[in-house]
Amino acid sequence: MSKKIKDDNGNVYVQKKPFYKRVWFWILAIVVVIAIGGAVGGNKNDNGGTKVDSSKKAAPKYYKMGDTVKVGDVTYTLKSVETTQERNEYADDKPANVIKVVYHVKNNGDDDLPVGTDLNVYDAANNKAKSYPIDGETMDAVAAGKEMDITAGFGLKKLGKVELQFAPLVSVKKAAKFQVDVK
């Protein structure tokens, strides 16, 4: 309880208890200690991280050769993917396999579109393929409202089901994913 004090002039003052002697302070302190203890202590059987259950993984949907897909203001059509014996004597890398990818691009946007850098390729072992210089390779730009065929080369470690992801160089849209079996 609070204590009443009377000064020399007859004024009455109430002297309150310090906050650390009040009931609400101790209830709050106990709740905070329990919350911190639960967060720090946690489950003693916790191994950290989250187990990835690969059996529940949904199979991604892929487009196939010849499909036309729109990503943002750009339309892509995969025309062909084939292995080539062509090797560039000046290339730093000497990949086991080289593929030649031909695709069609239509720019439906208002600005020029850089092409040749809008494709990522992953081999059958999910390794990202590096670009590989081949004859006829296209590194250019497509004007607004125009279209063109693009040729690109990639060095692969392993043949099989190859994933191709098309997206404009500066895009926030999800890439269009194609899958092709290359032998």
N, C-alpha and C. Protein backbone atom coordinates (compact mmCIF):
# COMPACT_ATOMS: atom_id res chain seq x y z
N MET A 1 0.84 -1.17 0.00
CA MET A 1 0.00 0.00 0.00
C MET A 1 0.89 1.24 0.00
N SER A 2 0.30 2.33 -0.38
CA SER A 2 1.04 3.58 -0.40
C SER A 2 0.93 4.26 0.97
N LYS A 3 1.92 5.07 1.26
CA LYS A 3 2.00 5.74 2.56
C LYS A 3 1.69 7.21 2.37
N LYS A 4 0.83 7.78 3.23
CA LYS A 4 0.47 9.20 3.15
C LYS A 4 1.41 9.99 4.06
N ILE A 5 1.93 11.09 3.47
CA ILE A 5 2.85 11.94 4.20
C ILE A 5 2.29 13.36 4.18
N LYS A 6 2.34 14.03 5.36
CA LYS A 6 1.85 15.41 5.48
C LYS A 6 3.06 16.31 5.67
N ASP A 7 3.17 17.38 4.82
CA ASP A 7 4.30 18.29 4.97
C ASP A 7 3.97 19.40 5.97
N ASP A 8 4.90 20.38 6.16
CA ASP A 8 4.75 21.45 7.14
C ASP A 8 3.57 22.37 6.83
N ASN A 9 3.19 22.51 5.56
CA ASN A 9 2.10 23.40 5.16
C ASN A 9 0.74 22.70 5.23
N GLY A 10 0.72 21.44 5.56
CA GLY A 10 -0.54 20.71 5.67
C GLY A 10 -0.93 19.97 4.40
N ASN A 11 -0.09 20.02 3.38
CA ASN A 11 -0.38 19.28 2.15
C ASN A 11 -0.12 17.80 2.37
N VAL A 12 -0.98 16.97 1.76
CA VAL A 12 -0.84 15.52 1.91
C VAL A 12 -0.29 14.95 0.60
N TYR A 13 0.77 14.17 0.71
CA TYR A 13 1.39 13.50 -0.42
C TYR A 13 1.30 12.00 -0.22
N VAL A 14 1.26 11.29 -1.38
CA VAL A 14 1.22 9.83 -1.32
C VAL A 14 2.58 9.31 -1.76
N GLN A 15 3.23 8.57 -0.91
CA GLN A 15 4.50 7.98 -1.27
C GLN A 15 4.23 6.57 -1.80
N LYS A 16 4.57 6.38 -3.10
CA LYS A 16 4.31 5.09 -3.74
C LYS A 16 5.48 4.16 -3.54
N LYS A 17 5.20 2.84 -3.67
CA LYS A 17 6.26 1.84 -3.58
C LYS A 17 7.13 1.94 -4.82
N PRO A 18 8.41 1.62 -4.67
CA PRO A 18 9.26 1.55 -5.86
C PRO A 18 8.71 0.47 -6.82
N PHE A 19 8.97 0.63 -8.13
CA PHE A 19 8.37 -0.27 -9.13
C PHE A 19 8.79 -1.73 -8.91
N TYR A 20 10.00 -1.96 -8.40
CA TYR A 20 10.46 -3.34 -8.21
C TYR A 20 9.80 -4.02 -7.01
N LYS A 21 9.02 -3.28 -6.20
CA LYS A 21 8.29 -3.89 -5.09
C LYS A 21 6.82 -4.10 -5.43
N ARG A 22 6.43 -3.82 -6.66
CA ARG A 22 5.04 -3.97 -7.07
C ARG A 22 4.80 -5.35 -7.66
N VAL A 23 3.60 -5.84 -7.53
CA VAL A 23 3.23 -7.18 -7.99
C VAL A 23 3.32 -7.28 -9.51
N TRP A 24 2.83 -6.28 -10.25
CA TRP A 24 2.82 -6.34 -11.70
C TRP A 24 4.23 -6.47 -12.28
N PHE A 25 5.23 -5.85 -11.62
CA PHE A 25 6.60 -5.94 -12.10
C PHE A 25 7.11 -7.37 -12.02
N TRP A 26 6.81 -8.05 -10.92
CA TRP A 26 7.31 -9.42 -10.75
C TRP A 26 6.60 -10.40 -11.67
N ILE A 27 5.33 -10.17 -11.93
CA ILE A 27 4.61 -11.03 -12.89
C ILE A 27 5.21 -10.86 -14.28
N LEU A 28 5.46 -9.63 -14.67
CA LEU A 28 6.07 -9.35 -15.98
C LEU A 28 7.47 -9.95 -16.06
N ALA A 29 8.26 -9.82 -15.02
CA ALA A 29 9.62 -10.36 -15.00
C ALA A 29 9.61 -11.88 -15.15
N ILE A 30 8.68 -12.56 -14.48
CA ILE A 30 8.59 -14.03 -14.58
C ILE A 30 8.21 -14.45 -15.99
N VAL A 31 7.25 -13.75 -16.61
CA VAL A 31 6.84 -14.07 -17.97
C VAL A 31 8.01 -13.89 -18.95
N VAL A 32 8.77 -12.82 -18.81
CA VAL A 32 9.92 -12.57 -19.69
C VAL A 32 10.98 -13.65 -19.51
N VAL A 33 11.28 -14.03 -18.28
CA VAL A 33 12.28 -15.07 -18.01
C VAL A 33 11.85 -16.40 -18.61
N ILE A 34 10.59 -16.75 -18.50
CA ILE A 34 10.08 -18.01 -19.08
C ILE A 34 10.19 -17.96 -20.60
N ALA A 35 9.83 -16.84 -21.22
CA ALA A 35 9.89 -16.71 -22.67
C ALA A 35 11.33 -16.83 -23.17
N ILE A 36 12.26 -16.17 -22.52
CA ILE A 36 13.67 -16.23 -22.92
C ILE A 36 14.21 -17.64 -22.70
N GLY A 37 13.88 -18.25 -21.58
CA GLY A 37 14.33 -19.61 -21.30
C GLY A 37 13.81 -20.60 -22.32
N GLY A 38 12.57 -20.45 -22.74
CA GLY A 38 12.01 -21.33 -23.76
C GLY A 38 12.66 -21.14 -25.11
N ALA A 39 12.98 -19.91 -25.45
CA ALA A 39 13.61 -19.64 -26.75
C ALA A 39 15.05 -20.14 -26.78
N VAL A 40 15.79 -19.95 -25.69
CA VAL A 40 17.18 -20.36 -25.65
C VAL A 40 17.31 -21.86 -25.45
N GLY A 41 16.55 -22.39 -24.52
CA GLY A 41 16.64 -23.82 -24.21
C GLY A 41 16.10 -24.67 -25.34
N GLY A 42 14.93 -24.35 -25.80
CA GLY A 42 14.32 -25.07 -26.91
C GLY A 42 14.20 -26.55 -26.63
N ASN A 43 14.04 -27.31 -27.66
CA ASN A 43 13.94 -28.75 -27.57
C ASN A 43 15.35 -29.33 -27.55
N LYS A 44 15.67 -30.13 -26.56
CA LYS A 44 17.01 -30.70 -26.45
C LYS A 44 17.30 -31.70 -27.57
N ASN A 45 16.27 -32.21 -28.25
CA ASN A 45 16.46 -33.16 -29.35
C ASN A 45 16.53 -32.45 -30.70
N ASP A 46 16.58 -31.14 -30.68
CA ASP A 46 16.59 -30.36 -31.93
C ASP A 46 17.96 -30.47 -32.58
N ASN A 47 18.00 -30.90 -33.84
CA ASN A 47 19.25 -31.02 -34.58
C ASN A 47 19.59 -29.76 -35.34
N GLY A 48 18.75 -28.77 -35.29
CA GLY A 48 18.97 -27.55 -36.05
C GLY A 48 18.51 -27.73 -37.48
N GLY A 49 18.14 -26.67 -38.14
CA GLY A 49 17.70 -26.75 -39.53
C GLY A 49 16.36 -27.42 -39.66
N THR A 50 15.96 -27.66 -40.89
CA THR A 50 14.70 -28.31 -41.18
C THR A 50 14.96 -29.44 -42.17
N LYS A 51 14.46 -30.60 -41.87
CA LYS A 51 14.66 -31.74 -42.75
C LYS A 51 13.89 -31.52 -44.05
N VAL A 52 14.56 -31.80 -45.15
CA VAL A 52 13.95 -31.69 -46.46
C VAL A 52 13.43 -33.05 -46.85
N ASP A 53 12.14 -33.12 -47.09
CA ASP A 53 11.53 -34.38 -47.48
C ASP A 53 11.40 -34.41 -48.99
N SER A 54 12.30 -35.15 -49.63
CA SER A 54 12.32 -35.17 -51.09
C SER A 54 11.15 -35.96 -51.67
N SER A 55 10.48 -36.77 -50.87
CA SER A 55 9.36 -37.55 -51.41
C SER A 55 8.14 -36.68 -51.69
N LYS A 56 8.03 -35.53 -51.00
CA LYS A 56 6.88 -34.66 -51.19
C LYS A 56 7.14 -33.58 -52.24
N LYS A 57 8.33 -33.60 -52.83
CA LYS A 57 8.70 -32.57 -53.80
C LYS A 57 7.85 -32.69 -55.05
N ALA A 58 7.17 -31.62 -55.39
CA ALA A 58 6.33 -31.64 -56.58
C ALA A 58 7.21 -31.56 -57.82
N ALA A 59 6.88 -32.35 -58.80
CA ALA A 59 7.64 -32.35 -60.04
C ALA A 59 7.38 -31.04 -60.78
N PRO A 60 8.45 -30.33 -61.17
CA PRO A 60 8.23 -29.08 -61.87
C PRO A 60 7.65 -29.34 -63.26
N LYS A 61 6.88 -28.39 -63.72
CA LYS A 61 6.29 -28.50 -65.05
C LYS A 61 7.21 -27.79 -66.03
N TYR A 62 7.52 -28.48 -67.11
CA TYR A 62 8.42 -27.95 -68.12
C TYR A 62 7.69 -27.79 -69.45
N TYR A 63 8.16 -26.80 -70.22
CA TYR A 63 7.71 -26.67 -71.60
C TYR A 63 8.60 -27.56 -72.44
N LYS A 64 8.15 -27.85 -73.65
CA LYS A 64 8.92 -28.74 -74.51
C LYS A 64 9.30 -28.03 -75.80
N MET A 65 10.13 -28.67 -76.58
CA MET A 65 10.59 -28.13 -77.85
C MET A 65 9.41 -27.68 -78.70
N GLY A 66 9.51 -26.48 -79.25
CA GLY A 66 8.46 -25.95 -80.11
C GLY A 66 7.41 -25.12 -79.39
N ASP A 67 7.35 -25.20 -78.06
CA ASP A 67 6.38 -24.39 -77.32
C ASP A 67 6.78 -22.91 -77.36
N THR A 68 5.76 -22.05 -77.37
CA THR A 68 5.98 -20.60 -77.30
C THR A 68 5.48 -20.12 -75.95
N VAL A 69 6.35 -19.41 -75.23
CA VAL A 69 6.06 -18.99 -73.87
C VAL A 69 6.36 -17.50 -73.73
N LYS A 70 5.46 -16.80 -73.04
CA LYS A 70 5.64 -15.36 -72.81
C LYS A 70 6.17 -15.15 -71.39
N VAL A 71 7.25 -14.38 -71.28
CA VAL A 71 7.84 -14.00 -69.99
C VAL A 71 7.91 -12.48 -70.00
N GLY A 72 7.05 -11.85 -69.23
CA GLY A 72 6.98 -10.39 -69.25
C GLY A 72 6.54 -9.91 -70.62
N ASP A 73 7.34 -9.05 -71.23
CA ASP A 73 7.03 -8.51 -72.56
C ASP A 73 7.73 -9.27 -73.68
N VAL A 74 8.29 -10.44 -73.38
CA VAL A 74 9.07 -11.19 -74.35
C VAL A 74 8.44 -12.56 -74.59
N THR A 75 8.43 -12.97 -75.86
CA THR A 75 7.93 -14.29 -76.22
C THR A 75 9.10 -15.14 -76.70
N TYR A 76 9.26 -16.34 -76.12
CA TYR A 76 10.34 -17.26 -76.48
C TYR A 76 9.76 -18.52 -77.12
N THR A 77 10.42 -19.01 -78.17
CA THR A 77 10.07 -20.29 -78.78
C THR A 77 11.37 -21.08 -78.93
N LEU A 78 11.44 -22.24 -78.29
CA LEU A 78 12.62 -23.10 -78.40
C LEU A 78 12.53 -23.87 -79.71
N LYS A 79 13.49 -23.65 -80.61
CA LYS A 79 13.46 -24.27 -81.93
C LYS A 79 14.28 -25.57 -82.00
N SER A 80 15.49 -25.57 -81.44
CA SER A 80 16.30 -26.80 -81.48
C SER A 80 17.39 -26.77 -80.42
N VAL A 81 17.76 -27.98 -79.98
CA VAL A 81 18.89 -28.19 -79.08
C VAL A 81 19.59 -29.45 -79.59
N GLU A 82 20.87 -29.30 -79.93
CA GLU A 82 21.60 -30.46 -80.46
C GLU A 82 23.06 -30.39 -80.03
N THR A 83 23.69 -31.55 -79.95
CA THR A 83 25.12 -31.58 -79.65
C THR A 83 25.89 -31.18 -80.90
N THR A 84 27.07 -30.68 -80.71
CA THR A 84 27.93 -30.31 -81.83
C THR A 84 29.36 -30.74 -81.53
N GLN A 85 30.06 -31.11 -82.57
CA GLN A 85 31.47 -31.49 -82.43
C GLN A 85 32.37 -30.26 -82.54
N GLU A 86 31.76 -29.12 -82.81
CA GLU A 86 32.51 -27.87 -82.96
C GLU A 86 33.18 -27.51 -81.65
N ARG A 87 34.48 -27.21 -81.72
CA ARG A 87 35.22 -26.76 -80.55
C ARG A 87 35.99 -25.50 -80.93
N ASN A 88 36.08 -24.59 -80.00
CA ASN A 88 36.77 -23.33 -80.21
C ASN A 88 38.17 -23.47 -79.63
N GLU A 89 39.19 -23.37 -80.49
CA GLU A 89 40.56 -23.57 -80.04
C GLU A 89 41.04 -22.49 -79.07
N TYR A 90 40.34 -21.34 -79.07
CA TYR A 90 40.74 -20.24 -78.21
C TYR A 90 39.97 -20.21 -76.89
N ALA A 91 39.01 -21.09 -76.71
CA ALA A 91 38.21 -21.12 -75.48
C ALA A 91 39.05 -21.63 -74.32
N ASP A 92 38.84 -21.04 -73.14
CA ASP A 92 39.56 -21.48 -71.94
C ASP A 92 39.08 -22.85 -71.47
N ASP A 93 37.78 -23.09 -71.56
CA ASP A 93 37.21 -24.36 -71.12
C ASP A 93 37.26 -25.38 -72.24
N LYS A 94 37.40 -26.63 -71.86
CA LYS A 94 37.37 -27.75 -72.80
C LYS A 94 36.30 -28.73 -72.31
N PRO A 95 35.02 -28.38 -72.50
CA PRO A 95 33.94 -29.24 -71.98
C PRO A 95 33.85 -30.57 -72.72
N ALA A 96 33.32 -31.56 -72.04
CA ALA A 96 33.14 -32.89 -72.64
C ALA A 96 32.08 -32.85 -73.73
N ASN A 97 31.06 -32.03 -73.54
CA ASN A 97 29.96 -31.93 -74.50
C ASN A 97 29.63 -30.46 -74.76
N VAL A 98 29.31 -30.16 -76.00
CA VAL A 98 28.88 -28.81 -76.36
C VAL A 98 27.53 -28.92 -77.06
N ILE A 99 26.58 -28.08 -76.63
CA ILE A 99 25.28 -28.06 -77.30
C ILE A 99 25.07 -26.72 -77.96
N LYS A 100 24.30 -26.76 -79.04
CA LYS A 100 23.93 -25.57 -79.78
C LYS A 100 22.43 -25.40 -79.59
N VAL A 101 22.02 -24.25 -79.06
CA VAL A 101 20.62 -23.96 -78.80
C VAL A 101 20.16 -22.87 -79.75
N VAL A 102 19.04 -23.11 -80.44
CA VAL A 102 18.46 -22.11 -81.32
C VAL A 102 17.06 -21.81 -80.81
N TYR A 103 16.79 -20.52 -80.58
CA TYR A 103 15.47 -20.12 -80.11
C TYR A 103 15.06 -18.81 -80.77
N HIS A 104 13.76 -18.57 -80.76
CA HIS A 104 13.20 -17.38 -81.40
C HIS A 104 12.71 -16.43 -80.30
N VAL A 105 12.99 -15.14 -80.48
CA VAL A 105 12.59 -14.13 -79.51
C VAL A 105 11.75 -13.08 -80.20
N LYS A 106 10.64 -12.70 -79.56
CA LYS A 106 9.83 -11.58 -80.04
C LYS A 106 9.74 -10.58 -78.90
N ASN A 107 10.16 -9.34 -79.18
CA ASN A 107 10.16 -8.28 -78.17
C ASN A 107 8.84 -7.52 -78.26
N ASN A 108 7.95 -7.72 -77.31
CA ASN A 108 6.67 -7.03 -77.26
C ASN A 108 6.72 -5.78 -76.38
N GLY A 109 7.92 -5.44 -75.91
CA GLY A 109 8.08 -4.29 -75.01
C GLY A 109 8.30 -2.99 -75.77
N ASP A 110 8.61 -1.93 -75.01
CA ASP A 110 8.81 -0.60 -75.57
C ASP A 110 10.28 -0.26 -75.76
N ASP A 111 11.19 -1.07 -75.23
CA ASP A 111 12.63 -0.79 -75.30
C ASP A 111 13.36 -1.92 -76.01
N ASP A 112 14.60 -1.63 -76.43
CA ASP A 112 15.43 -2.67 -77.01
C ASP A 112 15.67 -3.76 -75.97
N LEU A 113 15.77 -5.01 -76.44
CA LEU A 113 15.94 -6.16 -75.56
C LEU A 113 17.28 -6.83 -75.84
N PRO A 114 18.20 -6.87 -74.85
CA PRO A 114 19.45 -7.60 -75.08
C PRO A 114 19.16 -9.10 -75.13
N VAL A 115 19.74 -9.79 -76.11
CA VAL A 115 19.54 -11.23 -76.26
C VAL A 115 20.89 -11.94 -76.29
N GLY A 116 20.85 -13.22 -76.00
CA GLY A 116 22.07 -14.01 -75.91
C GLY A 116 22.49 -14.20 -74.47
N THR A 117 21.97 -13.36 -73.58
CA THR A 117 22.25 -13.48 -72.14
C THR A 117 20.98 -13.82 -71.38
N ASP A 118 19.93 -14.15 -72.12
CA ASP A 118 18.63 -14.40 -71.51
C ASP A 118 18.33 -15.88 -71.32
N LEU A 119 19.36 -16.72 -71.44
CA LEU A 119 19.19 -18.17 -71.33
C LEU A 119 20.19 -18.75 -70.35
N ASN A 120 19.69 -19.54 -69.40
CA ASN A 120 20.54 -20.33 -68.49
C ASN A 120 20.26 -21.79 -68.78
N VAL A 121 21.33 -22.60 -68.77
CA VAL A 121 21.21 -24.02 -69.08
C VAL A 121 21.79 -24.83 -67.93
N TYR A 122 21.10 -25.94 -67.58
CA TYR A 122 21.55 -26.84 -66.53
C TYR A 122 21.62 -28.24 -67.10
N ASP A 123 22.73 -28.96 -66.85
CA ASP A 123 22.89 -30.31 -67.42
C ASP A 123 22.08 -31.33 -66.62
N ALA A 124 22.20 -32.60 -66.99
CA ALA A 124 21.42 -33.67 -66.37
C ALA A 124 21.71 -33.84 -64.89
N ALA A 125 22.87 -33.39 -64.44
CA ALA A 125 23.23 -33.49 -63.02
C ALA A 125 22.93 -32.18 -62.28
N ASN A 126 22.14 -31.29 -62.89
CA ASN A 126 21.75 -29.99 -62.34
C ASN A 126 22.91 -29.02 -62.15
N ASN A 127 23.99 -29.21 -62.90
CA ASN A 127 25.10 -28.26 -62.90
C ASN A 127 24.82 -27.18 -63.93
N LYS A 128 25.06 -25.94 -63.54
CA LYS A 128 24.84 -24.84 -64.48
C LYS A 128 25.92 -24.91 -65.56
N ALA A 129 25.47 -24.86 -66.81
CA ALA A 129 26.39 -24.92 -67.94
C ALA A 129 26.95 -23.53 -68.22
N LYS A 130 28.20 -23.50 -68.63
CA LYS A 130 28.83 -22.24 -68.99
C LYS A 130 28.61 -21.99 -70.47
N SER A 131 28.48 -20.73 -70.82
CA SER A 131 28.37 -20.34 -72.21
C SER A 131 29.65 -20.78 -72.93
N TYR A 132 29.50 -21.26 -74.17
CA TYR A 132 30.66 -21.72 -74.93
C TYR A 132 30.62 -21.08 -76.31
N PRO A 133 31.71 -20.46 -76.75
CA PRO A 133 31.70 -19.76 -78.04
C PRO A 133 31.64 -20.73 -79.22
N ILE A 134 30.62 -20.57 -80.05
CA ILE A 134 30.48 -21.37 -81.27
C ILE A 134 30.22 -20.43 -82.45
N ASP A 135 30.36 -20.97 -83.66
CA ASP A 135 30.09 -20.17 -84.86
C ASP A 135 28.62 -19.78 -84.91
N GLY A 136 28.37 -18.56 -85.28
CA GLY A 136 27.00 -18.08 -85.43
C GLY A 136 26.33 -17.69 -84.14
N GLU A 137 27.07 -17.65 -83.04
CA GLU A 137 26.50 -17.29 -81.75
C GLU A 137 25.99 -15.85 -81.79
N THR A 138 24.83 -15.62 -81.17
CA THR A 138 24.18 -14.31 -81.22
C THR A 138 24.31 -13.59 -79.89
N MET A 139 24.91 -12.42 -79.91
CA MET A 139 24.92 -11.50 -78.77
C MET A 139 24.52 -10.17 -79.37
N ASP A 140 23.25 -9.80 -79.18
CA ASP A 140 22.72 -8.65 -79.91
C ASP A 140 21.60 -8.03 -79.10
N ALA A 141 20.78 -7.22 -79.77
CA ALA A 141 19.60 -6.63 -79.16
C ALA A 141 18.48 -6.66 -80.20
N VAL A 142 17.25 -6.83 -79.71
CA VAL A 142 16.07 -6.83 -80.56
C VAL A 142 15.30 -5.56 -80.26
N ALA A 143 15.00 -4.80 -81.30
CA ALA A 143 14.25 -3.55 -81.14
C ALA A 143 12.82 -3.85 -80.70
N ALA A 144 12.19 -2.85 -80.12
CA ALA A 144 10.80 -2.99 -79.67
C ALA A 144 9.91 -3.37 -80.84
N GLY A 145 9.06 -4.37 -80.63
CA GLY A 145 8.13 -4.82 -81.66
C GLY A 145 8.75 -5.72 -82.72
N LYS A 146 10.02 -6.06 -82.60
CA LYS A 146 10.72 -6.89 -83.60
C LYS A 146 11.03 -8.25 -83.03
N GLU A 147 11.51 -9.14 -83.91
CA GLU A 147 11.83 -10.51 -83.48
C GLU A 147 13.03 -11.03 -84.25
N MET A 148 13.67 -12.09 -83.70
CA MET A 148 14.83 -12.69 -84.37
C MET A 148 15.13 -14.06 -83.79
N ASP A 149 15.90 -14.86 -84.54
CA ASP A 149 16.39 -16.15 -84.07
C ASP A 149 17.73 -15.93 -83.38
N ILE A 150 17.95 -16.66 -82.29
CA ILE A 150 19.16 -16.55 -81.50
C ILE A 150 19.84 -17.91 -81.47
N THR A 151 21.16 -17.92 -81.59
CA THR A 151 21.95 -19.15 -81.47
C THR A 151 22.91 -18.97 -80.30
N ALA A 152 22.98 -19.98 -79.43
CA ALA A 152 23.86 -19.93 -78.27
C ALA A 152 24.51 -21.29 -78.07
N GLY A 153 25.73 -21.29 -77.57
CA GLY A 153 26.45 -22.53 -77.28
C GLY A 153 26.71 -22.65 -75.79
N PHE A 154 26.67 -23.90 -75.31
CA PHE A 154 26.92 -24.17 -73.89
C PHE A 154 27.75 -25.44 -73.75
N GLY A 155 28.69 -25.42 -72.82
CA GLY A 155 29.49 -26.60 -72.50
C GLY A 155 28.85 -27.35 -71.35
N LEU A 156 28.63 -28.66 -71.55
CA LEU A 156 27.98 -29.49 -70.52
C LEU A 156 28.92 -30.56 -70.01
N LYS A 157 28.80 -30.88 -68.73
CA LYS A 157 29.55 -31.99 -68.17
C LYS A 157 28.86 -33.31 -68.48
N LYS A 158 27.52 -33.28 -68.49
CA LYS A 158 26.77 -34.53 -68.64
C LYS A 158 25.56 -34.31 -69.55
N LEU A 159 25.35 -35.23 -70.48
CA LEU A 159 24.18 -35.18 -71.35
C LEU A 159 23.01 -35.88 -70.68
N GLY A 160 21.83 -35.71 -71.22
CA GLY A 160 20.61 -36.30 -70.67
C GLY A 160 19.52 -35.26 -70.69
N LYS A 161 18.72 -35.22 -69.64
CA LYS A 161 17.65 -34.23 -69.55
C LYS A 161 18.26 -32.88 -69.18
N VAL A 162 18.24 -31.96 -70.15
CA VAL A 162 18.83 -30.64 -69.99
C VAL A 162 17.70 -29.64 -69.75
N GLU A 163 17.89 -28.77 -68.76
CA GLU A 163 16.90 -27.74 -68.44
C GLU A 163 17.37 -26.41 -68.99
N LEU A 164 16.47 -25.73 -69.71
CA LEU A 164 16.76 -24.41 -70.27
C LEU A 164 15.80 -23.41 -69.65
N GLN A 165 16.33 -22.31 -69.11
CA GLN A 165 15.50 -21.31 -68.46
C GLN A 165 15.64 -19.98 -69.20
N PHE A 166 14.51 -19.50 -69.75
CA PHE A 166 14.48 -18.26 -70.51
C PHE A 166 13.87 -17.14 -69.68
N ALA A 167 14.58 -16.01 -69.62
CA ALA A 167 14.05 -14.80 -68.97
C ALA A 167 14.88 -13.63 -69.44
N PRO A 168 14.25 -12.48 -69.69
CA PRO A 168 15.02 -11.30 -70.07
C PRO A 168 16.07 -10.97 -69.02
N LEU A 169 17.16 -10.36 -69.46
CA LEU A 169 18.30 -10.08 -68.59
C LEU A 169 17.91 -9.32 -67.32
N VAL A 170 17.10 -8.30 -67.44
CA VAL A 170 16.67 -7.53 -66.27
C VAL A 170 15.17 -7.72 -66.09
N SER A 171 14.81 -8.86 -65.56
CA SER A 171 13.40 -9.19 -65.37
C SER A 171 13.17 -9.70 -63.96
N VAL A 172 12.00 -9.37 -63.41
CA VAL A 172 11.62 -9.90 -62.12
C VAL A 172 10.62 -11.05 -62.28
N LYS A 173 10.29 -11.36 -63.52
CA LYS A 173 9.36 -12.46 -63.82
C LYS A 173 10.08 -13.79 -63.68
N LYS A 174 9.33 -14.84 -63.34
CA LYS A 174 9.89 -16.17 -63.26
C LYS A 174 10.29 -16.64 -64.66
N ALA A 175 11.40 -17.33 -64.74
CA ALA A 175 11.90 -17.83 -66.02
C ALA A 175 11.00 -18.95 -66.54
N ALA A 176 10.88 -19.01 -67.86
CA ALA A 176 10.17 -20.12 -68.51
C ALA A 176 11.13 -21.29 -68.59
N LYS A 177 10.71 -22.44 -68.05
CA LYS A 177 11.60 -23.61 -67.98
C LYS A 177 11.22 -24.64 -69.03
N PHE A 178 12.18 -24.98 -69.86
CA PHE A 178 12.02 -26.02 -70.87
C PHE A 178 12.90 -27.19 -70.47
N GLN A 179 12.51 -28.39 -70.87
CA GLN A 179 13.35 -29.55 -70.63
C GLN A 179 13.44 -30.35 -71.94
N VAL A 180 14.67 -30.71 -72.29
CA VAL A 180 14.93 -31.42 -73.54
C VAL A 180 15.91 -32.56 -73.23
N ASP A 181 15.66 -33.74 -73.80
CA ASP A 181 16.57 -34.87 -73.63
C ASP A 181 17.62 -34.79 -74.73
N VAL A 182 18.85 -34.52 -74.34
CA VAL A 182 19.95 -34.37 -75.30
C VAL A 182 20.86 -35.58 -75.18
N LYS A 183 21.11 -36.25 -76.31
CA LYS A 183 21.98 -37.44 -76.33
C LYS A 183 23.10 -37.27 -77.30
